[in-house]
């Protein structure tokens, strides 16, 4: 049986690993395939939540999706002007 594997292309494990890696790439691509409208909506909701707890410079916020081979990360650069130290109305949060 090993003889046939050598002739017809090798090891099943290598094929599985290659298939798994290809699937990971496809999943990462699907996860980062976000429309500009959805990203802008996400940006608006993030701003809404952050402004409950701090004053931020909304004109200088940068939000992007960053990815490498194995994961996707939401990266946000939010300039904080001041932290709100008062009591926050929990019903509005």
C-alpha atoms as a PDB file:
ATOM      1  CA  UNK A   1       0.000   0.000   0.000  1.00  0.00           C
ATOM      2  CA  UNK A   2       2.850   2.427   0.772  1.00  0.00           C
ATOM      3  CA  UNK A   3       4.216   1.709  -2.681  1.00  0.00           C
ATOM      4  CA  UNK A   4       0.938   2.907  -4.294  1.00  0.00           C
ATOM      5  CA  UNK A   5       0.874   6.063  -2.169  1.00  0.00           C
ATOM      6  CA  UNK A   6       4.366   6.939  -3.326  1.00  0.00           C
ATOM      7  CA  UNK A   7       3.409   6.424  -6.963  1.00  0.00           C
ATOM      8  CA  UNK A   8       0.075   8.280  -6.881  1.00  0.00           C
ATOM      9  CA  UNK A   9       0.985  11.340  -4.906  1.00  0.00           C
ATOM     10  CA  UNK A  10       1.915  10.644  -1.416  1.00  0.00           C
ATOM     11  CA  UNK A  11       0.539  11.047   1.989  1.00  0.00           C
ATOM     12  CA  UNK A  12      -3.129  11.538   2.950  1.00  0.00           C
ATOM     13  CA  UNK A  13      -2.047  13.673   5.898  1.00  0.00           C
ATOM     14  CA  UNK A  14      -0.340  16.147   3.614  1.00  0.00           C
ATOM     15  CA  UNK A  15      -3.494  16.351   1.495  1.00  0.00           C
ATOM     16  CA  UNK A  16      -5.606  16.925   4.605  1.00  0.00           C
ATOM     17  CA  UNK A  17      -3.257  19.654   5.803  1.00  0.00           C
ATOM     18  CA  UNK A  18      -3.349  21.370   2.421  1.00  0.00           C
ATOM     19  CA  UNK A  19      -7.145  21.148   2.285  1.00  0.00           C
ATOM     20  CA  UNK A  20      -7.452  22.520   5.831  1.00  0.00           C
ATOM     21  CA  UNK A  21      -5.123  25.420   4.999  1.00  0.00           C
ATOM     22  CA  UNK A  22      -7.130  26.222   1.865  1.00  0.00           C
ATOM     23  CA  UNK A  23     -10.347  26.163   3.893  1.00  0.00           C
ATOM     24  CA  UNK A  24      -8.839  28.546   6.454  1.00  0.00           C
ATOM     25  CA  UNK A  25      -7.916  30.967   3.676  1.00  0.00           C
ATOM     26  CA  UNK A  26     -11.449  30.798   2.265  1.00  0.00           C
ATOM     27  CA  UNK A  27     -12.967  31.410   5.722  1.00  0.00           C
ATOM     28  CA  UNK A  28     -10.685  34.374   6.374  1.00  0.00           C
ATOM     29  CA  UNK A  29     -11.632  35.838   3.006  1.00  0.00           C
ATOM     30  CA  UNK A  30     -15.331  35.367   3.784  1.00  0.00           C
ATOM     31  CA  UNK A  31     -14.945  37.003   7.175  1.00  0.00           C
ATOM     32  CA  UNK A  32     -13.181  40.034   5.777  1.00  0.00           C
ATOM     33  CA  UNK A  33     -15.504  40.426   2.813  1.00  0.00           C
ATOM     34  CA  UNK A  34     -17.459  43.207   4.497  1.00  0.00           C
ATOM     35  CA  UNK A  35     -19.275  45.916   2.602  1.00  0.00           C
ATOM     36  CA  UNK A  36     -18.361  49.570   3.151  1.00  0.00           C
ATOM     37  CA  UNK A  37     -21.928  50.188   4.363  1.00  0.00           C
ATOM     38  CA  UNK A  38     -21.643  47.481   7.014  1.00  0.00           C
ATOM     39  CA  UNK A  39     -18.243  48.768   8.140  1.00  0.00           C
ATOM     40  CA  UNK A  40     -19.686  52.305   8.412  1.00  0.00           C
ATOM     41  CA  UNK A  41     -22.640  50.985  10.422  1.00  0.00           C
ATOM     42  CA  UNK A  42     -20.227  49.178  12.745  1.00  0.00           C
ATOM     43  CA  UNK A  43     -18.212  52.383  13.072  1.00  0.00           C
ATOM     44  CA  UNK A  44     -21.353  54.315  14.078  1.00  0.00           C
ATOM     45  CA  UNK A  45     -22.309  51.794  16.739  1.00  0.00           C
ATOM     46  CA  UNK A  46     -18.779  51.697  18.152  1.00  0.00           C
ATOM     47  CA  UNK A  47     -18.785  55.503  18.381  1.00  0.00           C
ATOM     48  CA  UNK A  48     -22.192  55.424  20.079  1.00  0.00           C
ATOM     49  CA  UNK A  49     -20.977  53.017  22.772  1.00  0.00           C
ATOM     50  CA  UNK A  50     -17.628  54.725  23.340  1.00  0.00           C
ATOM     51  CA  UNK A  51     -19.161  58.187  23.738  1.00  0.00           C
ATOM     52  CA  UNK A  52     -21.133  56.912  26.738  1.00  0.00           C
ATOM     53  CA  UNK A  53     -17.870  56.420  28.614  1.00  0.00           C
ATOM     54  CA  UNK A  54     -15.457  58.940  27.122  1.00  0.00           C
ATOM     55  CA  UNK A  55     -15.120  61.957  24.887  1.00  0.00           C
ATOM     56  CA  UNK A  56     -13.505  60.947  21.618  1.00  0.00           C
ATOM     57  CA  UNK A  57     -12.398  62.733  18.464  1.00  0.00           C
ATOM     58  CA  UNK A  58     -14.898  61.202  16.039  1.00  0.00           C
ATOM     59  CA  UNK A  59     -13.226  62.824  13.016  1.00  0.00           C
ATOM     60  CA  UNK A  60      -9.942  60.980  13.574  1.00  0.00           C
ATOM     61  CA  UNK A  61     -11.230  57.454  14.274  1.00  0.00           C
ATOM     62  CA  UNK A  62      -9.717  54.737  12.093  1.00  0.00           C
ATOM     63  CA  UNK A  63     -11.414  51.321  11.956  1.00  0.00           C
ATOM     64  CA  UNK A  64     -10.246  48.482   9.758  1.00  0.00           C
ATOM     65  CA  UNK A  65     -10.125  44.707   9.519  1.00  0.00           C
ATOM     66  CA  UNK A  66      -6.639  43.269   9.590  1.00  0.00           C
ATOM     67  CA  UNK A  67      -5.882  39.657   8.802  1.00  0.00           C
ATOM     68  CA  UNK A  68      -3.046  37.214   8.494  1.00  0.00           C
ATOM     69  CA  UNK A  69      -3.028  33.534   7.580  1.00  0.00           C
ATOM     70  CA  UNK A  70      -4.999  32.332  10.596  1.00  0.00           C
ATOM     71  CA  UNK A  71      -7.130  35.133  12.028  1.00  0.00           C
ATOM     72  CA  UNK A  72      -8.987  38.364  11.472  1.00  0.00           C
ATOM     73  CA  UNK A  73      -8.775  41.315  13.851  1.00  0.00           C
ATOM     74  CA  UNK A  74     -10.851  44.452  14.123  1.00  0.00           C
ATOM     75  CA  UNK A  75      -8.342  47.267  14.576  1.00  0.00           C
ATOM     76  CA  UNK A  76      -9.594  50.590  15.902  1.00  0.00           C
ATOM     77  CA  UNK A  77      -7.557  53.711  16.535  1.00  0.00           C
ATOM     78  CA  UNK A  78      -9.743  56.000  18.651  1.00  0.00           C
ATOM     79  CA  UNK A  79      -8.320  59.285  19.942  1.00  0.00           C
ATOM     80  CA  UNK A  80      -9.619  59.716  23.508  1.00  0.00           C
ATOM     81  CA  UNK A  81      -9.981  63.303  24.662  1.00  0.00           C
ATOM     82  CA  UNK A  82     -11.341  62.679  28.153  1.00  0.00           C
ATOM     83  CA  UNK A  83     -12.714  59.816  30.247  1.00  0.00           C
ATOM     84  CA  UNK A  84     -16.153  60.451  31.763  1.00  0.00           C
ATOM     85  CA  UNK A  85     -15.952  59.835  35.494  1.00  0.00           C
ATOM     86  CA  UNK A  86     -19.603  60.416  36.452  1.00  0.00           C
ATOM     87  CA  UNK A  87     -22.458  57.993  37.056  1.00  0.00           C
ATOM     88  CA  UNK A  88     -23.701  56.316  33.866  1.00  0.00           C
ATOM     89  CA  UNK A  89     -27.404  55.610  33.413  1.00  0.00           C
ATOM     90  CA  UNK A  90     -27.464  51.802  33.090  1.00  0.00           C
ATOM     91  CA  UNK A  91     -30.894  51.806  31.397  1.00  0.00           C
ATOM     92  CA  UNK A  92     -29.473  53.781  28.463  1.00  0.00           C
ATOM     93  CA  UNK A  93     -26.425  51.547  28.027  1.00  0.00           C
END
